[in-house]
N, C-alpha and C. Protein backbone atom coordinates (compact mmCIF):
# COMPACT_ATOMS: atom_id res chain seq x y z
N MET A 1 5.10 3.04 -9.77
CA MET A 1 4.60 2.26 -8.47
C MET A 1 4.32 0.86 -8.75
N ARG A 2 4.76 0.51 -7.49
CA ARG A 2 4.50 -1.06 -7.16
C ARG A 2 3.48 -1.05 -5.85
N VAL A 3 2.14 -1.72 -5.74
CA VAL A 3 1.63 -1.70 -4.66
C VAL A 3 1.41 -3.56 -4.09
N VAL A 4 1.25 -3.87 -2.94
CA VAL A 4 1.02 -5.21 -2.76
C VAL A 4 -0.66 -4.55 -1.57
N ILE A 5 -1.91 -4.91 -1.95
CA ILE A 5 -2.42 -4.31 -1.47
C ILE A 5 -3.25 -6.05 -0.31
N GLN A 6 -3.73 -5.94 0.27
CA GLN A 6 -4.30 -6.77 1.73
C GLN A 6 -5.29 -6.08 2.05
N ARG A 7 -6.21 -6.75 2.12
CA ARG A 7 -7.72 -6.91 2.93
C ARG A 7 -6.97 -7.40 4.05
N VAL A 8 -7.78 -6.66 5.09
CA VAL A 8 -7.30 -7.14 6.22
C VAL A 8 -8.48 -7.08 7.52
N SER A 9 -8.25 -8.11 8.34
CA SER A 9 -9.40 -7.92 9.64
C SER A 9 -8.70 -6.54 10.45
N GLU A 10 -7.39 -6.97 10.53
CA GLU A 10 -7.00 -5.43 11.36
C GLU A 10 -5.36 -5.73 11.12
N ALA A 11 -5.11 -4.31 10.96
CA ALA A 11 -3.34 -4.67 10.70
C ALA A 11 -2.88 -2.99 12.28
N SER A 12 -1.38 -3.44 11.75
CA SER A 12 -0.92 -2.38 12.87
C SER A 12 0.75 -2.38 12.67
N VAL A 13 1.32 -1.30 12.78
CA VAL A 13 2.35 -1.36 12.64
C VAL A 13 3.34 -0.45 13.60
N THR A 14 4.70 -1.39 14.27
CA THR A 14 5.01 -0.87 15.50
C THR A 14 6.53 -0.32 15.12
N ILE A 15 7.02 1.08 15.85
CA ILE A 15 8.31 1.20 15.68
C ILE A 15 9.17 1.74 17.14
N ASN A 16 9.83 0.79 17.23
CA ASN A 16 10.41 1.06 18.02
C ASN A 16 9.94 0.72 19.40
N GLY A 17 9.08 -0.64 19.47
CA GLY A 17 8.41 -0.78 20.60
C GLY A 17 6.77 -0.33 20.64
N LYS A 18 6.42 0.79 19.75
CA LYS A 18 5.40 1.83 19.97
C LYS A 18 4.62 1.77 19.09
N ILE A 19 3.52 1.40 19.03
CA ILE A 19 2.51 1.12 17.78
C ILE A 19 1.94 2.98 17.02
N LYS A 20 2.66 2.76 16.23
CA LYS A 20 2.44 3.86 15.06
C LYS A 20 1.18 3.93 14.48
N SER A 21 0.33 2.95 13.99
CA SER A 21 -0.68 2.47 12.75
C SER A 21 -1.22 1.68 13.13
N LYS A 22 -3.14 1.55 13.13
CA LYS A 22 -3.95 0.53 13.67
C LYS A 22 -5.13 1.02 13.17
N ILE A 23 -4.98 -0.54 12.47
CA ILE A 23 -6.20 -0.20 12.07
C ILE A 23 -7.08 -1.57 11.91
N ASP A 24 -8.77 -1.12 11.92
CA ASP A 24 -9.80 -2.37 11.98
C ASP A 24 -9.74 -3.28 10.44
N LEU A 25 -11.06 -3.26 9.64
CA LEU A 25 -11.01 -3.89 8.87
C LEU A 25 -11.08 -2.95 7.71
N GLY A 26 -9.93 -3.15 6.51
CA GLY A 26 -9.57 -2.39 5.68
C GLY A 26 -8.60 -3.05 4.94
N LEU A 27 -6.95 -2.17 4.32
CA LEU A 27 -6.63 -2.60 3.59
C LEU A 27 -5.02 -2.24 4.45
N LEU A 28 -4.21 -2.57 4.07
CA LEU A 28 -3.33 -2.75 4.22
C LEU A 28 -1.88 -2.86 2.96
N ILE A 29 -1.45 -1.70 2.80
CA ILE A 29 -0.93 -1.64 1.58
C ILE A 29 0.40 -0.98 1.83
N LEU A 30 1.30 -2.14 1.04
CA LEU A 30 2.84 -1.81 0.67
C LEU A 30 3.32 -1.12 -0.66
N LEU A 31 3.50 0.08 -0.34
CA LEU A 31 4.09 0.56 -1.52
C LEU A 31 5.22 0.83 -2.21
N GLY A 32 5.96 0.36 -3.42
CA GLY A 32 7.28 0.34 -3.54
C GLY A 32 7.10 2.34 -4.52
N ILE A 33 8.46 2.47 -5.01
CA ILE A 33 8.22 4.28 -5.76
C ILE A 33 10.11 3.66 -6.39
N GLU A 34 9.09 4.04 -7.86
CA GLU A 34 10.59 4.25 -8.42
C GLU A 34 11.11 5.23 -9.12
N GLU A 35 12.08 5.79 -9.97
CA GLU A 35 12.18 7.45 -9.89
C GLU A 35 11.66 7.94 -11.18
N SER A 36 10.98 6.83 -12.06
CA SER A 36 10.12 7.19 -12.87
C SER A 36 8.62 7.24 -12.37
N ASP A 37 8.45 6.93 -11.48
CA ASP A 37 7.19 7.33 -11.02
C ASP A 37 6.55 8.76 -11.04
N GLY A 38 5.27 9.50 -11.52
CA GLY A 38 4.48 10.83 -11.27
C GLY A 38 3.69 10.79 -10.93
N ASP A 39 2.63 11.79 -10.99
CA ASP A 39 1.38 12.11 -10.90
C ASP A 39 0.56 11.00 -11.39
N GLU A 40 0.74 10.56 -12.95
CA GLU A 40 -0.51 10.31 -13.58
C GLU A 40 -0.19 8.92 -12.96
N ASP A 41 0.48 8.19 -12.31
CA ASP A 41 0.93 6.99 -11.07
C ASP A 41 0.40 7.04 -10.39
N MET A 42 0.23 7.83 -10.01
CA MET A 42 -0.36 7.98 -8.10
C MET A 42 -2.01 8.37 -8.49
N ASP A 43 -1.90 9.25 -9.28
CA ASP A 43 -3.25 9.71 -9.39
C ASP A 43 -4.14 8.04 -10.19
N TRP A 44 -3.48 7.12 -11.28
CA TRP A 44 -4.00 6.11 -11.22
C TRP A 44 -4.88 5.02 -10.34
N LEU A 45 -3.41 5.03 -9.41
CA LEU A 45 -3.53 3.66 -8.32
C LEU A 45 -4.57 4.47 -7.29
N CYS A 46 -3.97 5.81 -6.72
CA CYS A 46 -5.69 5.95 -6.27
C CYS A 46 -6.43 5.75 -6.00
N ARG A 47 -6.90 5.72 -7.75
CA ARG A 47 -8.49 5.84 -8.18
C ARG A 47 -8.80 4.01 -8.39
N LYS A 48 -8.09 3.57 -8.42
CA LYS A 48 -7.48 1.96 -8.66
C LYS A 48 -8.07 1.44 -7.16
N ILE A 49 -6.89 1.51 -6.05
CA ILE A 49 -7.56 1.42 -4.70
C ILE A 49 -8.39 1.64 -4.25
N MET A 50 -9.37 3.18 -4.62
CA MET A 50 -10.50 3.26 -4.16
C MET A 50 -11.54 2.64 -4.73
N ASN A 51 -11.73 2.12 -5.64
CA ASN A 51 -12.86 1.12 -6.15
C ASN A 51 -12.04 -0.03 -6.38
N LEU A 52 -11.92 -0.80 -5.92
CA LEU A 52 -10.89 -1.83 -6.22
C LEU A 52 -12.24 -2.60 -5.25
N ARG A 53 -12.51 -3.81 -5.61
CA ARG A 53 -14.20 -4.34 -5.26
C ARG A 53 -13.56 -5.83 -4.53
N ILE A 54 -12.76 -5.73 -3.38
CA ILE A 54 -12.39 -7.00 -2.28
C ILE A 54 -12.90 -7.26 -1.03
N PHE A 55 -14.30 -6.73 -1.28
CA PHE A 55 -14.94 -6.88 0.27
C PHE A 55 -15.93 -7.88 -0.24
N ASN A 56 -16.04 -8.76 0.71
CA ASN A 56 -17.31 -9.45 0.71
C ASN A 56 -19.32 -8.42 0.92
N ASP A 57 -20.18 -8.25 -0.14
CA ASP A 57 -21.06 -8.17 -0.03
C ASP A 57 -21.66 -9.43 1.27
N ASP A 58 -23.27 -9.34 0.78
CA ASP A 58 -23.93 -9.97 1.94
C ASP A 58 -24.38 -11.39 1.44
N ASN A 59 -24.51 -11.54 -0.01
CA ASN A 59 -24.04 -12.83 -0.22
C ASN A 59 -22.47 -13.56 -0.65
N GLY A 60 -21.84 -13.25 0.19
CA GLY A 60 -20.21 -13.04 -0.17
C GLY A 60 -19.27 -13.68 -0.89
N VAL A 61 -19.92 -12.44 -2.01
CA VAL A 61 -19.15 -12.01 -3.28
C VAL A 61 -18.47 -10.46 -2.92
N MET A 62 -17.16 -10.47 -3.46
CA MET A 62 -16.54 -9.82 -3.19
C MET A 62 -17.26 -8.59 -4.18
N ASN A 63 -17.54 -7.93 -4.16
CA ASN A 63 -18.90 -6.86 -4.68
C ASN A 63 -18.27 -5.40 -3.85
N LYS A 64 -17.65 -5.08 -3.06
CA LYS A 64 -17.63 -3.83 -2.09
C LYS A 64 -16.12 -3.58 -2.33
N SER A 65 -16.36 -1.92 -2.20
CA SER A 65 -14.83 -1.17 -2.39
C SER A 65 -14.57 -0.76 -0.78
N VAL A 66 -13.39 -0.75 -0.10
CA VAL A 66 -13.51 -0.48 1.02
C VAL A 66 -13.99 0.94 1.88
N LEU A 67 -14.43 2.12 0.10
CA LEU A 67 -15.44 3.03 0.83
C LEU A 67 -16.82 1.98 1.35
N ASP A 68 -16.92 1.52 0.39
CA ASP A 68 -18.40 1.00 0.85
C ASP A 68 -18.46 -0.02 2.23
N VAL A 69 -17.36 -0.59 3.26
CA VAL A 69 -17.40 -1.09 4.27
C VAL A 69 -17.17 -0.35 5.06
N ASN A 70 -16.90 0.99 4.47
CA ASN A 70 -15.66 2.26 6.02
C ASN A 70 -14.76 1.46 6.59
N GLY A 71 -14.21 1.05 5.65
CA GLY A 71 -12.52 0.34 6.44
C GLY A 71 -11.95 1.58 6.45
N GLU A 72 -10.86 0.85 6.78
CA GLU A 72 -9.64 2.53 6.86
C GLU A 72 -8.15 1.66 6.08
N ILE A 73 -7.28 2.40 6.08
CA ILE A 73 -6.47 1.76 5.18
C ILE A 73 -5.01 2.45 6.09
N ILE A 74 -3.67 1.56 6.21
CA ILE A 74 -2.73 2.31 6.28
C ILE A 74 -1.43 1.81 4.98
N VAL A 75 -0.54 2.78 4.79
CA VAL A 75 0.48 2.75 3.67
C VAL A 75 1.20 2.41 4.48
N VAL A 76 2.84 1.70 4.11
CA VAL A 76 3.94 1.69 4.46
C VAL A 76 4.39 1.42 3.40
N SER A 77 5.88 2.27 2.92
CA SER A 77 7.09 2.15 2.40
C SER A 77 7.39 1.39 2.53
N GLN A 78 7.79 0.49 1.16
CA GLN A 78 8.45 -0.56 1.15
C GLN A 78 9.12 -1.18 -0.68
N PHE A 79 10.54 -0.32 0.17
CA PHE A 79 11.24 -0.40 -1.38
C PHE A 79 11.91 -2.05 -1.86
N THR A 80 11.61 -2.72 -1.16
CA THR A 80 12.16 -3.63 -1.68
C THR A 80 10.98 -5.12 -2.37
N LEU A 81 9.74 -3.54 -3.06
CA LEU A 81 8.83 -4.72 -4.16
C LEU A 81 9.13 -4.52 -5.27
N HIS A 82 10.69 -3.38 -5.09
CA HIS A 82 11.24 -2.97 -6.51
C HIS A 82 12.41 -4.21 -6.66
N ALA A 83 12.73 -5.07 -6.07
CA ALA A 83 13.71 -6.01 -5.85
C ALA A 83 14.17 -6.75 -6.78
N SER A 84 15.60 -6.68 -7.80
CA SER A 84 16.00 -7.17 -8.71
C SER A 84 16.48 -9.07 -8.17
N THR A 85 15.80 -10.11 -8.37
CA THR A 85 16.29 -11.61 -8.52
C THR A 85 16.90 -12.25 -9.82
N LYS A 86 17.04 -11.45 -10.48
CA LYS A 86 17.72 -12.10 -11.96
C LYS A 86 19.58 -12.82 -11.92
N LYS A 87 20.14 -11.88 -11.07
CA LYS A 87 21.50 -12.53 -10.81
C LYS A 87 21.15 -12.81 -9.53
N GLY A 88 22.25 -14.14 -9.22
CA GLY A 88 22.74 -14.68 -8.25
C GLY A 88 21.53 -14.38 -6.59
N ASN A 89 22.24 -14.56 -5.32
CA ASN A 89 21.17 -14.82 -4.31
C ASN A 89 20.74 -13.66 -3.90
N ARG A 90 21.36 -11.92 -3.64
CA ARG A 90 21.27 -10.95 -3.07
C ARG A 90 20.69 -9.63 -4.26
N PRO A 91 19.06 -9.76 -3.71
CA PRO A 91 18.56 -9.10 -4.43
C PRO A 91 19.36 -7.17 -4.99
N SER A 92 18.77 -7.28 -5.76
CA SER A 92 19.18 -5.91 -6.27
C SER A 92 18.11 -4.86 -6.12
N TYR A 93 18.11 -3.66 -5.37
CA TYR A 93 17.16 -2.77 -5.44
C TYR A 93 17.73 -1.01 -6.43
N LEU A 94 17.96 -1.34 -7.37
CA LEU A 94 18.43 -0.13 -8.29
C LEU A 94 17.30 0.23 -8.90
N ARG A 95 16.12 -0.32 -9.02
CA ARG A 95 14.90 0.36 -9.84
C ARG A 95 14.10 1.38 -8.48
N ALA A 96 14.35 0.50 -7.43
CA ALA A 96 14.02 1.52 -5.98
C ALA A 96 14.47 3.19 -6.33
N ALA A 97 13.53 3.81 -5.76
CA ALA A 97 13.87 5.16 -5.62
C ALA A 97 14.90 5.64 -4.44
N LYS A 98 15.66 6.68 -4.63
CA LYS A 98 16.68 7.37 -3.55
C LYS A 98 15.61 7.75 -2.81
N PRO A 99 16.02 7.68 -1.46
CA PRO A 99 15.27 8.36 -0.40
C PRO A 99 14.80 10.19 -0.59
N ASP A 100 15.89 10.84 -1.33
CA ASP A 100 15.49 12.05 -1.71
C ASP A 100 14.02 12.11 -2.58
N PHE A 101 14.33 11.67 -3.23
CA PHE A 101 12.81 11.58 -4.28
C PHE A 101 11.05 10.57 -3.93
N ALA A 102 11.73 9.52 -2.97
CA ALA A 102 10.59 8.63 -2.46
C ALA A 102 10.00 9.11 -1.08
N ILE A 103 11.02 9.92 -0.14
CA ILE A 103 9.93 10.37 0.52
C ILE A 103 9.01 11.34 0.12
N PRO A 104 9.65 12.22 -0.62
CA PRO A 104 8.14 13.30 -0.57
C PRO A 104 7.10 12.30 -1.69
N MET A 105 7.41 11.71 -3.03
CA MET A 105 6.65 10.62 -3.03
C MET A 105 5.56 10.38 -2.38
N TYR A 106 5.99 9.64 -1.53
CA TYR A 106 5.41 8.70 -0.71
C TYR A 106 4.54 9.60 0.64
N GLU A 107 5.06 10.66 1.12
CA GLU A 107 4.22 11.66 1.34
C GLU A 107 2.93 12.14 0.50
N LYS A 108 3.39 12.79 -0.85
CA LYS A 108 2.37 13.00 -1.71
C LYS A 108 1.64 12.59 -2.00
N PHE A 109 1.98 10.82 -1.90
CA PHE A 109 1.13 9.36 -2.02
C PHE A 109 -0.22 9.70 -0.99
N LEU A 110 0.21 9.28 0.23
CA LEU A 110 -0.65 9.25 1.68
C LEU A 110 -1.55 10.90 1.20
N LEU A 111 -1.44 12.08 0.91
CA LEU A 111 -2.40 12.87 0.87
C LEU A 111 -3.12 12.56 -0.27
N LYS A 112 -2.74 12.47 -1.40
CA LYS A 112 -3.33 12.24 -2.62
C LYS A 112 -4.90 11.13 -2.02
N LEU A 113 -4.09 9.65 -1.44
CA LEU A 113 -5.01 8.91 -1.08
C LEU A 113 -6.19 8.94 -0.63
N GLY A 114 -6.07 9.66 0.44
CA GLY A 114 -6.80 10.41 1.83
C GLY A 114 -7.61 11.03 0.90
N GLU A 115 -6.89 11.94 0.22
CA GLU A 115 -8.12 13.25 -0.37
C GLU A 115 -9.17 12.41 -1.48
N THR A 116 -8.59 11.47 -2.34
CA THR A 116 -9.23 10.09 -3.45
C THR A 116 -10.66 9.73 -2.17
N THR A 117 -9.87 9.38 -1.30
CA THR A 117 -11.32 8.06 -0.76
C THR A 117 -12.05 8.96 0.06
N GLY A 118 -11.57 9.81 0.47
CA GLY A 118 -11.75 10.83 1.83
C GLY A 118 -11.87 9.92 3.37
N ILE A 119 -10.36 9.01 3.63
CA ILE A 119 -10.25 7.94 4.64
C ILE A 119 -9.01 8.51 4.88
N LYS A 120 -9.26 8.54 6.59
CA LYS A 120 -7.79 9.14 7.14
C LYS A 120 -6.99 8.30 6.93
N VAL A 121 -5.92 8.69 5.72
CA VAL A 121 -5.08 7.32 5.77
C VAL A 121 -3.60 6.96 6.38
N GLN A 122 -3.50 6.40 7.28
CA GLN A 122 -2.53 5.93 8.52
C GLN A 122 -1.16 5.82 7.55
N SER A 123 -0.23 5.72 7.80
CA SER A 123 0.91 5.13 7.41
C SER A 123 2.15 4.89 8.72
N GLY A 124 3.36 4.20 7.99
CA GLY A 124 4.62 3.39 8.56
C GLY A 124 5.23 5.16 8.74
N GLU A 125 6.76 4.01 8.48
CA GLU A 125 7.57 5.52 8.43
C GLU A 125 8.53 5.74 7.57
N PHE A 126 8.64 6.01 6.73
CA PHE A 126 10.19 5.88 5.76
C PHE A 126 11.54 5.43 6.45
N GLY A 127 11.86 4.60 5.82
CA GLY A 127 13.51 4.11 6.47
C GLY A 127 13.06 3.48 7.98
N ALA A 128 12.09 3.93 8.60
CA ALA A 128 12.52 3.49 9.80
C ALA A 128 12.67 1.39 9.31
N ASP A 129 12.51 0.71 11.02
CA ASP A 129 12.63 -0.49 11.55
C ASP A 129 11.09 -0.67 11.57
N MET A 130 10.31 -1.79 10.61
CA MET A 130 9.01 -1.55 10.88
C MET A 130 8.53 -2.76 11.31
N LYS A 131 7.58 -3.24 12.84
CA LYS A 131 7.28 -4.59 12.52
C LYS A 131 5.44 -3.94 12.04
N VAL A 132 5.14 -4.69 11.20
CA VAL A 132 4.43 -4.48 10.27
C VAL A 132 3.38 -5.92 11.07
N ASN A 133 2.05 -5.61 11.56
CA ASN A 133 1.33 -7.73 11.68
C ASN A 133 0.02 -6.97 11.58
N LEU A 134 -0.53 -8.14 10.48
CA LEU A 134 -2.02 -8.10 9.94
C LEU A 134 -2.74 -8.83 10.34
N LEU A 135 -3.66 -9.27 9.88
CA LEU A 135 -4.53 -10.56 9.77
C LEU A 135 -5.23 -10.40 8.56
N ASN A 136 -4.56 -10.95 7.52
CA ASN A 136 -5.25 -11.07 5.98
C ASN A 136 -6.81 -12.04 5.90
N ASP A 137 -7.62 -11.36 5.27
CA ASP A 137 -8.48 -11.50 5.28
C ASP A 137 -9.36 -12.28 4.14
N GLY A 138 -9.34 -13.56 3.95
CA GLY A 138 -9.65 -14.09 2.80
C GLY A 138 -8.57 -15.60 2.36
N PRO A 139 -7.19 -15.31 2.71
CA PRO A 139 -6.87 -14.40 2.57
C PRO A 139 -6.76 -13.91 1.17
N VAL A 140 -6.67 -12.37 1.02
CA VAL A 140 -6.56 -11.32 -0.25
C VAL A 140 -5.61 -10.66 -0.31
N THR A 141 -5.16 -10.76 -1.75
CA THR A 141 -4.10 -10.03 -1.34
C THR A 141 -3.18 -9.47 -3.09
N ILE A 142 -3.80 -8.61 -3.77
CA ILE A 142 -3.05 -8.08 -4.72
C ILE A 142 -2.28 -6.97 -5.26
N LEU A 143 -1.74 -7.30 -5.82
CA LEU A 143 -0.47 -6.79 -6.53
C LEU A 143 -1.00 -5.85 -7.72
N MET A 144 -0.20 -4.58 -7.98
CA MET A 144 -0.60 -4.06 -8.67
C MET A 144 0.81 -2.90 -9.23
N ASP A 145 0.76 -2.65 -10.43
CA ASP A 145 1.97 -1.95 -10.99
C ASP A 145 1.77 -0.80 -12.40
N THR A 146 1.93 0.89 -11.60
CA THR A 146 1.17 1.04 -12.78
C THR A 146 2.22 1.62 -13.83
N LYS A 147 3.16 0.69 -14.24
CA LYS A 147 4.19 0.40 -15.46
C LYS A 147 3.63 -0.82 -15.84
N ASN A 148 2.53 -1.38 -15.40
CA ASN A 148 1.05 -2.56 -16.52
C ASN A 148 -0.02 -2.43 -15.88
N LYS A 149 -0.26 -0.98 -15.99
CA LYS A 149 -1.45 -0.89 -16.13
C LYS A 149 -2.84 -1.38 -17.34
N GLU A 150 -2.42 -1.88 -18.26
CA GLU A 150 -3.12 -2.80 -19.42
C GLU A 150 -3.08 -4.58 -19.37
C-alpha cells in the first residue's frame, strides 16, 4: 500500500457536482493498492497514520497526531500512485491492483482505519471521476509505502 498523506485545514471530494465528503482540520489520504498488499500492510499503515505527529503543538512544533487535534480523515483511492514512468512518457499502472482485489481492500482499509483511530473516516468513491479540493496546511505532505517500512 502506498499513501500520500496531506495535513489539511479543509478538504472535500465532489462527484458529479455533489459533495460526497467534506472535512475541516485533518488528513486527506490518497491510497494506492497493489496485488501483493495484505492485512499486515493495512495494520501497519493504520497504526502509522494514527500516531503520525504532523500537527503543531502550542509551541508550533509538529508534535500532535490527528487524534490529539480531534481531526477528521478522508481517504481517496488513487491507483496512479503505482505509476511507473521508467519507459516512455505514458505511465504504466501494472503494479496497481485490479478492481476485483482493490475495491474490497479499499473498503476494508476504510473500516480498519476507522476502528484504529475511532474517527469516522470519510471517503471518495472507487473508480469515480472525483474532484478533490484541499487546503494543504503547512504545506505538510508525507509519502509512505508499506513495501519500504525500514
